[in-house]
Amino acid sequence: TAGVEHKERLILKKKCDYLGFMGVKLDPELNKSRGKEMVISTPDSKVQVWVVPTNEELMIAQDTAELVNAAKAK
């Protein structure tokens, strides 16, 4: 859920704690890791929790270029 989750471990922990009724269990040590795609839930978690780094600025630029090119083609 964008940079706020990626950068703020406490927010992610609170959200995962809230989802505990679904079997979500966050590994506190793995939750400290950043910068690479990885599972940060415990092995016995019923739901896997992943960190997937993004480059939001690049995605915005690519989407904008696609829209501009589509408008030019009309």
C-alpha atoms as a PDB file:
ATOM      1  CA  THR A   1       0.000   0.000   0.000  1.00  0.00           C
ATOM      2  CA  ALA A   2       2.586   2.447  -1.194  1.00  0.00           C
ATOM      3  CA  GLY A   3       5.426   4.141   0.595  1.00  0.00           C
ATOM      4  CA  VAL A   4       3.766   4.642   3.950  1.00  0.00           C
ATOM      5  CA  GLU A   5       3.583   0.891   4.534  1.00  0.00           C
ATOM      6  CA  HIS A   6       7.014   0.351   3.093  1.00  0.00           C
ATOM      7  CA  LYS A   7       8.608   2.957   5.356  1.00  0.00           C
ATOM      8  CA  GLU A   8       6.595   2.706   8.538  1.00  0.00           C
ATOM      9  CA  ARG A   9       6.894  -0.662  10.249  1.00  0.00           C
ATOM     10  CA  LEU A  10       4.503   0.234  13.077  1.00  0.00           C
ATOM     11  CA  ILE A  11       1.624   0.973  10.682  1.00  0.00           C
ATOM     12  CA  LEU A  12       2.130  -2.350   8.920  1.00  0.00           C
ATOM     13  CA  LYS A  13       2.348  -4.168  12.260  1.00  0.00           C
ATOM     14  CA  LYS A  14      -0.910  -2.613  13.466  1.00  0.00           C
ATOM     15  CA  LYS A  15      -2.691  -3.544  10.249  1.00  0.00           C
ATOM     16  CA  CYS A  16      -1.416  -7.117  10.411  1.00  0.00           C
ATOM     17  CA  ASP A  17      -2.381  -7.342  14.097  1.00  0.00           C
ATOM     18  CA  TYR A  18      -5.883  -6.192  13.124  1.00  0.00           C
ATOM     19  CA  LEU A  19      -6.015  -8.987  10.530  1.00  0.00           C
ATOM     20  CA  GLY A  20      -5.011 -11.582  13.110  1.00  0.00           C
ATOM     21  CA  PHE A  21      -8.558 -12.989  13.040  1.00  0.00           C
ATOM     22  CA  MET A  22      -7.727 -14.193   9.513  1.00  0.00           C
ATOM     23  CA  GLY A  23      -4.595 -15.947  10.703  1.00  0.00           C
ATOM     24  CA  VAL A  24      -2.147 -13.194   9.712  1.00  0.00           C
ATOM     25  CA  LYS A  25       1.030 -13.352  11.774  1.00  0.00           C
ATOM     26  CA  LEU A  26       3.823 -10.870  11.129  1.00  0.00           C
ATOM     27  CA  ASP A  27       7.434 -11.774  11.928  1.00  0.00           C
ATOM     28  CA  PRO A  28       8.826  -8.735  13.817  1.00  0.00           C
ATOM     29  CA  GLU A  29      12.419  -9.354  12.687  1.00  0.00           C
ATOM     30  CA  LEU A  30      11.485  -9.800   9.028  1.00  0.00           C
ATOM     31  CA  ASN A  31       9.323  -6.667   9.259  1.00  0.00           C
ATOM     32  CA  LYS A  32      12.544  -4.704   9.835  1.00  0.00           C
ATOM     33  CA  SER A  33      13.838  -5.649   6.375  1.00  0.00           C
ATOM     34  CA  ARG A  34      13.374  -3.231   3.518  1.00  0.00           C
ATOM     35  CA  GLY A  35      14.411  -2.798  -0.079  1.00  0.00           C
ATOM     36  CA  LYS A  36      13.799  -6.281  -1.405  1.00  0.00           C
ATOM     37  CA  GLU A  37      10.766  -8.384  -2.262  1.00  0.00           C
ATOM     38  CA  MET A  38      10.172 -10.880   0.506  1.00  0.00           C
ATOM     39  CA  VAL A  39       7.677 -12.606   2.784  1.00  0.00           C
ATOM     40  CA  ILE A  40       7.544 -10.978   6.243  1.00  0.00           C
ATOM     41  CA  SER A  41       4.903 -13.207   7.819  1.00  0.00           C
ATOM     42  CA  THR A  42       5.712 -16.105  10.111  1.00  0.00           C
ATOM     43  CA  PRO A  43       5.896 -19.645   8.696  1.00  0.00           C
ATOM     44  CA  ASP A  44       2.682 -20.566  10.558  1.00  0.00           C
ATOM     45  CA  SER A  45       0.739 -17.525   9.294  1.00  0.00           C
ATOM     46  CA  LYS A  46      -2.376 -18.601   7.369  1.00  0.00           C
ATOM     47  CA  VAL A  47      -1.875 -15.626   5.054  1.00  0.00           C
ATOM     48  CA  GLN A  48       1.467 -14.629   3.550  1.00  0.00           C
ATOM     49  CA  VAL A  49       2.446 -10.991   3.990  1.00  0.00           C
ATOM     50  CA  TRP A  50       4.815  -9.690   1.331  1.00  0.00           C
ATOM     51  CA  VAL A  51       6.912  -6.569   0.996  1.00  0.00           C
ATOM     52  CA  VAL A  52       7.119  -5.566  -2.652  1.00  0.00           C
ATOM     53  CA  PRO A  53       9.251  -2.459  -3.227  1.00  0.00           C
ATOM     54  CA  THR A  54       7.909  -0.072  -5.826  1.00  0.00           C
ATOM     55  CA  ASN A  55       9.159   2.920  -7.736  1.00  0.00           C
ATOM     56  CA  GLU A  56       6.035   5.063  -7.677  1.00  0.00           C
ATOM     57  CA  GLU A  57       7.602   7.963  -9.561  1.00  0.00           C
ATOM     58  CA  LEU A  58       8.593   5.658 -12.423  1.00  0.00           C
ATOM     59  CA  MET A  59       5.104   4.146 -12.594  1.00  0.00           C
ATOM     60  CA  ILE A  60       3.505   7.610 -12.694  1.00  0.00           C
ATOM     61  CA  ALA A  61       5.887   8.687 -15.467  1.00  0.00           C
ATOM     62  CA  GLN A  62       5.192   5.530 -17.506  1.00  0.00           C
ATOM     63  CA  ASP A  63       1.413   5.867 -17.095  1.00  0.00           C
ATOM     64  CA  THR A  64       1.574   9.544 -18.055  1.00  0.00           C
ATOM     65  CA  ALA A  65       3.631   8.772 -21.161  1.00  0.00           C
ATOM     66  CA  GLU A  66       1.148   6.073 -22.148  1.00  0.00           C
ATOM     67  CA  LEU A  67      -1.783   8.488 -21.789  1.00  0.00           C
ATOM     68  CA  VAL A  68      -0.008  11.229 -23.752  1.00  0.00           C
ATOM     69  CA  ASN A  69       0.893   8.809 -26.549  1.00  0.00           C
ATOM     70  CA  ALA A  70      -2.682   7.468 -26.671  1.00  0.00           C
ATOM     71  CA  ALA A  71      -4.041  11.029 -26.933  1.00  0.00           C
ATOM     72  CA  LYS A  72      -1.592  11.850 -29.754  1.00  0.00           C
ATOM     73  CA  ALA A  73      -2.674   8.737 -31.665  1.00  0.00           C
ATOM     74  CA  LYS A  74      -6.302   9.920 -31.793  1.00  0.00           C
END
